[in-house]
């Protein structure tokens, strides 16, 4: 029995991927802490040091967007080649 108990003590459980945080990119949050909201309001000059930190106005969270990839511009056509016609978009 002593061998079983020591084996159980040394055994470790695996951690779910969603719970791992160190060394990975942090996801964007959609809620700011009070201190972060105050910093944003100070930058926007909507809050001064004497104002109450309670009842702060809403602050829009800036999200970074990757956007759509722009199509590569076509290289200039070879001399003598017929120009490529563009199809009209609907």
N, C-alpha and C. Protein backbone atom coordinates (compact mmCIF):
# COMPACT_ATOMS: atom_id res chain seq x y z
N UNK A 1 0.81 -1.20 0.00
CA UNK A 1 0.00 0.00 0.00
C UNK A 1 0.85 1.26 0.00
N UNK A 2 1.98 1.22 0.65
CA UNK A 2 2.85 2.38 0.71
C UNK A 2 3.33 2.77 -0.68
N UNK A 3 3.53 1.78 -1.54
CA UNK A 3 3.98 2.06 -2.91
C UNK A 3 2.89 2.76 -3.70
N UNK A 4 1.65 2.38 -3.49
CA UNK A 4 0.53 3.02 -4.18
C UNK A 4 0.38 4.47 -3.76
N UNK A 5 0.46 4.74 -2.46
CA UNK A 5 0.31 6.10 -1.96
C UNK A 5 1.39 7.02 -2.50
N UNK A 6 2.62 6.54 -2.55
CA UNK A 6 3.70 7.39 -3.06
C UNK A 6 3.54 7.62 -4.56
N UNK A 7 3.02 6.63 -5.28
CA UNK A 7 2.80 6.79 -6.71
C UNK A 7 1.71 7.82 -6.98
N UNK A 8 0.66 7.83 -6.16
CA UNK A 8 -0.42 8.79 -6.33
C UNK A 8 0.04 10.21 -6.02
N UNK A 9 0.90 10.35 -5.04
CA UNK A 9 1.40 11.68 -4.67
C UNK A 9 2.25 12.27 -5.78
N UNK A 10 2.99 11.44 -6.50
CA UNK A 10 3.87 11.93 -7.56
C UNK A 10 3.14 12.13 -8.88
N UNK A 11 1.99 11.49 -9.04
CA UNK A 11 1.24 11.62 -10.28
C UNK A 11 0.65 13.03 -10.37
N UNK A 12 0.66 13.59 -11.56
CA UNK A 12 0.09 14.92 -11.74
C UNK A 12 -0.96 14.88 -12.83
N UNK A 13 -1.91 15.75 -12.71
CA UNK A 13 -2.96 15.83 -13.71
C UNK A 13 -2.52 16.78 -14.81
N UNK A 14 -3.03 16.55 -16.00
CA UNK A 14 -2.72 17.46 -17.09
C UNK A 14 -3.61 18.69 -16.97
N UNK A 15 -3.11 19.81 -17.48
CA UNK A 15 -3.86 21.05 -17.43
C UNK A 15 -4.50 21.31 -18.79
N UNK A 16 -5.74 21.73 -18.77
CA UNK A 16 -6.45 22.03 -20.00
C UNK A 16 -5.76 23.19 -20.72
N UNK A 17 -5.77 23.15 -22.05
CA UNK A 17 -5.11 24.19 -22.83
C UNK A 17 -5.66 25.58 -22.56
N UNK A 18 -6.95 25.67 -22.28
CA UNK A 18 -7.56 26.99 -22.07
C UNK A 18 -7.11 27.63 -20.76
N UNK A 19 -6.59 26.83 -19.85
CA UNK A 19 -6.17 27.37 -18.55
C UNK A 19 -4.72 27.80 -18.54
N UNK A 20 -3.96 27.44 -19.53
CA UNK A 20 -2.55 27.83 -19.58
C UNK A 20 -2.45 29.28 -20.02
N UNK A 21 -1.66 30.08 -19.30
CA UNK A 21 -1.56 31.50 -19.63
C UNK A 21 -0.12 31.94 -19.89
N UNK A 22 0.85 31.40 -19.20
CA UNK A 22 2.21 31.92 -19.31
C UNK A 22 2.82 31.56 -20.66
N UNK A 23 3.51 32.52 -21.24
CA UNK A 23 4.20 32.28 -22.49
C UNK A 23 3.31 32.33 -23.71
N UNK A 24 2.06 32.67 -23.56
CA UNK A 24 1.17 32.72 -24.71
C UNK A 24 0.64 34.13 -24.87
N UNK A 25 0.13 34.40 -26.04
CA UNK A 25 -0.47 35.70 -26.29
C UNK A 25 -1.71 35.87 -25.43
N UNK A 26 -1.90 37.06 -24.91
CA UNK A 26 -3.06 37.33 -24.09
C UNK A 26 -4.18 37.81 -25.01
N UNK A 27 -5.35 37.26 -24.83
CA UNK A 27 -6.47 37.67 -25.66
C UNK A 27 -6.93 39.06 -25.29
N UNK A 28 -7.52 39.74 -26.25
CA UNK A 28 -8.04 41.08 -26.01
C UNK A 28 -9.25 40.99 -25.09
N UNK A 29 -9.30 41.86 -24.10
CA UNK A 29 -10.44 41.88 -23.19
C UNK A 29 -11.41 42.95 -23.65
N UNK A 30 -12.68 42.77 -23.38
CA UNK A 30 -13.66 43.76 -23.77
C UNK A 30 -14.12 44.61 -22.59
N UNK A 31 -13.50 44.41 -21.41
CA UNK A 31 -13.83 45.20 -20.23
C UNK A 31 -12.54 45.73 -19.65
N UNK A 32 -12.51 47.02 -19.33
CA UNK A 32 -11.32 47.63 -18.73
C UNK A 32 -11.50 47.74 -17.22
N UNK A 33 -10.38 47.69 -16.49
CA UNK A 33 -10.44 47.93 -15.06
C UNK A 33 -10.64 49.42 -14.82
N UNK A 34 -10.97 49.78 -13.60
CA UNK A 34 -11.20 51.19 -13.28
C UNK A 34 -9.95 52.01 -13.58
N UNK A 35 -8.77 51.50 -13.21
CA UNK A 35 -7.52 52.23 -13.45
C UNK A 35 -7.28 52.43 -14.95
N UNK A 36 -7.56 51.41 -15.75
CA UNK A 36 -7.39 51.53 -17.19
C UNK A 36 -8.37 52.53 -17.78
N UNK A 37 -9.59 52.55 -17.28
CA UNK A 37 -10.58 53.52 -17.76
C UNK A 37 -10.15 54.94 -17.42
N UNK A 38 -9.60 55.14 -16.21
CA UNK A 38 -9.15 56.47 -15.82
C UNK A 38 -8.01 56.94 -16.72
N UNK A 39 -7.08 56.03 -17.05
CA UNK A 39 -5.98 56.40 -17.94
C UNK A 39 -6.50 56.85 -19.30
N UNK A 40 -7.47 56.11 -19.84
CA UNK A 40 -8.04 56.45 -21.15
C UNK A 40 -8.74 57.80 -21.07
N UNK A 41 -9.49 58.02 -19.98
CA UNK A 41 -10.21 59.29 -19.83
C UNK A 41 -9.24 60.46 -19.67
N UNK A 42 -8.10 60.24 -19.00
CA UNK A 42 -7.10 61.30 -18.86
C UNK A 42 -6.51 61.66 -20.22
N UNK A 43 -6.24 60.65 -21.03
CA UNK A 43 -5.69 60.89 -22.37
C UNK A 43 -6.68 61.69 -23.21
N UNK A 44 -7.96 61.36 -23.06
CA UNK A 44 -9.01 62.06 -23.80
C UNK A 44 -9.41 63.38 -23.14
N UNK A 45 -8.78 63.70 -22.03
CA UNK A 45 -9.05 64.93 -21.25
C UNK A 45 -10.51 65.00 -20.81
N UNK A 46 -11.08 63.85 -20.42
CA UNK A 46 -12.44 63.80 -19.92
C UNK A 46 -12.49 63.55 -18.42
N UNK A 47 -11.30 63.45 -17.76
CA UNK A 47 -11.24 63.18 -16.33
C UNK A 47 -10.05 63.90 -15.74
N UNK A 48 -10.24 64.53 -14.60
CA UNK A 48 -9.13 65.19 -13.92
C UNK A 48 -8.92 64.51 -12.57
N UNK A 49 -7.80 64.78 -11.93
CA UNK A 49 -7.43 64.11 -10.70
C UNK A 49 -8.41 64.29 -9.56
N UNK A 50 -9.18 65.37 -9.51
CA UNK A 50 -10.09 65.63 -8.41
C UNK A 50 -11.45 64.97 -8.56
N UNK A 51 -11.74 64.40 -9.72
CA UNK A 51 -13.04 63.77 -9.95
C UNK A 51 -13.15 62.46 -9.17
N UNK A 52 -14.38 62.05 -8.92
CA UNK A 52 -14.63 60.80 -8.22
C UNK A 52 -14.38 59.61 -9.16
N UNK A 53 -13.69 58.57 -8.67
CA UNK A 53 -13.47 57.40 -9.51
C UNK A 53 -14.71 56.51 -9.63
N UNK A 54 -15.77 56.85 -8.91
CA UNK A 54 -17.00 56.08 -8.99
C UNK A 54 -17.91 56.69 -10.05
N UNK A 55 -18.63 55.88 -10.76
CA UNK A 55 -19.55 56.36 -11.79
C UNK A 55 -18.83 56.93 -13.00
N UNK A 56 -17.75 56.29 -13.41
CA UNK A 56 -17.01 56.76 -14.58
C UNK A 56 -17.83 56.58 -15.85
N UNK A 57 -17.66 57.47 -16.81
CA UNK A 57 -18.37 57.28 -18.08
C UNK A 57 -17.81 56.08 -18.84
N UNK A 58 -18.59 55.60 -19.77
CA UNK A 58 -18.17 54.46 -20.57
C UNK A 58 -16.99 54.85 -21.46
N UNK A 59 -16.11 53.87 -21.68
CA UNK A 59 -14.94 54.08 -22.52
C UNK A 59 -14.93 52.99 -23.57
N UNK A 60 -14.78 53.39 -24.80
CA UNK A 60 -14.76 52.42 -25.89
C UNK A 60 -13.43 51.66 -25.89
N UNK A 61 -13.50 50.35 -26.02
CA UNK A 61 -12.31 49.52 -26.05
C UNK A 61 -11.81 49.44 -27.48
N UNK A 62 -10.55 49.79 -27.68
CA UNK A 62 -9.97 49.75 -29.01
C UNK A 62 -9.56 48.31 -29.31
N UNK A 63 -10.12 47.74 -30.33
CA UNK A 63 -9.78 46.40 -30.74
C UNK A 63 -8.89 46.47 -31.96
N UNK A 64 -7.88 45.64 -31.97
CA UNK A 64 -7.02 45.61 -33.15
C UNK A 64 -7.61 44.62 -34.13
N UNK A 65 -7.73 45.05 -35.35
CA UNK A 65 -8.28 44.18 -36.39
C UNK A 65 -7.20 43.85 -37.39
N UNK A 66 -7.22 42.63 -37.85
CA UNK A 66 -6.24 42.24 -38.85
C UNK A 66 -6.68 42.68 -40.23
N UNK A 67 -7.97 42.75 -40.45
CA UNK A 67 -8.49 43.21 -41.73
C UNK A 67 -8.35 42.15 -42.80
N UNK A 68 -8.91 42.46 -43.92
CA UNK A 68 -8.83 41.54 -45.05
C UNK A 68 -7.55 41.78 -45.81
N UNK A 69 -7.05 40.73 -46.39
CA UNK A 69 -5.85 40.87 -47.20
C UNK A 69 -6.22 41.57 -48.50
N UNK A 70 -5.42 42.53 -48.87
CA UNK A 70 -5.64 43.23 -50.12
C UNK A 70 -5.07 42.40 -51.25
N UNK A 71 -5.75 42.35 -52.37
CA UNK A 71 -5.21 41.57 -53.49
C UNK A 71 -3.93 42.21 -54.01
N UNK A 72 -3.01 41.37 -54.39
CA UNK A 72 -1.75 41.88 -54.92
C UNK A 72 -2.01 42.58 -56.24
N UNK A 73 -1.36 43.70 -56.40
CA UNK A 73 -1.51 44.43 -57.65
C UNK A 73 -0.83 43.65 -58.77
N UNK A 74 -1.49 43.61 -59.90
CA UNK A 74 -0.94 42.87 -61.02
C UNK A 74 0.27 43.61 -61.57
N UNK A 75 1.23 42.82 -61.94
CA UNK A 75 2.43 43.40 -62.55
C UNK A 75 2.06 43.94 -63.92
N UNK A 76 2.85 44.87 -64.39
CA UNK A 76 2.56 45.45 -65.70
C UNK A 76 2.61 44.36 -66.76
N UNK A 77 1.67 44.44 -67.66
CA UNK A 77 1.59 43.44 -68.73
C UNK A 77 2.80 43.56 -69.65
N UNK A 78 3.15 42.45 -70.21
CA UNK A 78 4.28 42.43 -71.15
C UNK A 78 3.91 43.25 -72.39
N UNK A 79 4.88 43.89 -73.04
CA UNK A 79 4.56 44.67 -74.22
C UNK A 79 3.98 43.78 -75.32
N UNK A 80 2.93 44.25 -75.94
CA UNK A 80 2.28 43.52 -77.01
C UNK A 80 1.17 42.61 -76.51
N UNK A 81 1.06 42.45 -75.22
CA UNK A 81 0.00 41.59 -74.69
C UNK A 81 -1.29 42.39 -74.61
N UNK A 82 -2.39 41.69 -74.80
CA UNK A 82 -3.69 42.36 -74.76
C UNK A 82 -4.00 42.75 -73.31
N UNK A 83 -4.57 43.94 -73.09
CA UNK A 83 -4.90 44.34 -71.72
C UNK A 83 -6.01 43.47 -71.16
N UNK A 84 -5.91 43.18 -69.91
CA UNK A 84 -6.89 42.32 -69.26
C UNK A 84 -8.12 43.15 -68.92
N UNK A 85 -9.30 42.61 -69.28
CA UNK A 85 -10.54 43.34 -69.02
C UNK A 85 -11.01 43.02 -67.61
N UNK A 86 -11.50 44.03 -66.94
CA UNK A 86 -12.04 43.83 -65.60
C UNK A 86 -13.52 43.57 -65.69
N UNK A 87 -14.00 42.67 -64.84
CA UNK A 87 -15.42 42.38 -64.82
C UNK A 87 -16.09 43.34 -63.85
N UNK A 88 -17.24 43.91 -64.21
CA UNK A 88 -17.89 44.85 -63.30
C UNK A 88 -18.44 44.11 -62.08
N UNK A 89 -18.31 44.75 -60.93
CA UNK A 89 -18.83 44.16 -59.69
C UNK A 89 -20.27 44.55 -59.51
N UNK A 90 -21.05 43.65 -58.97
CA UNK A 90 -22.48 43.92 -58.77
C UNK A 90 -22.71 44.43 -57.40
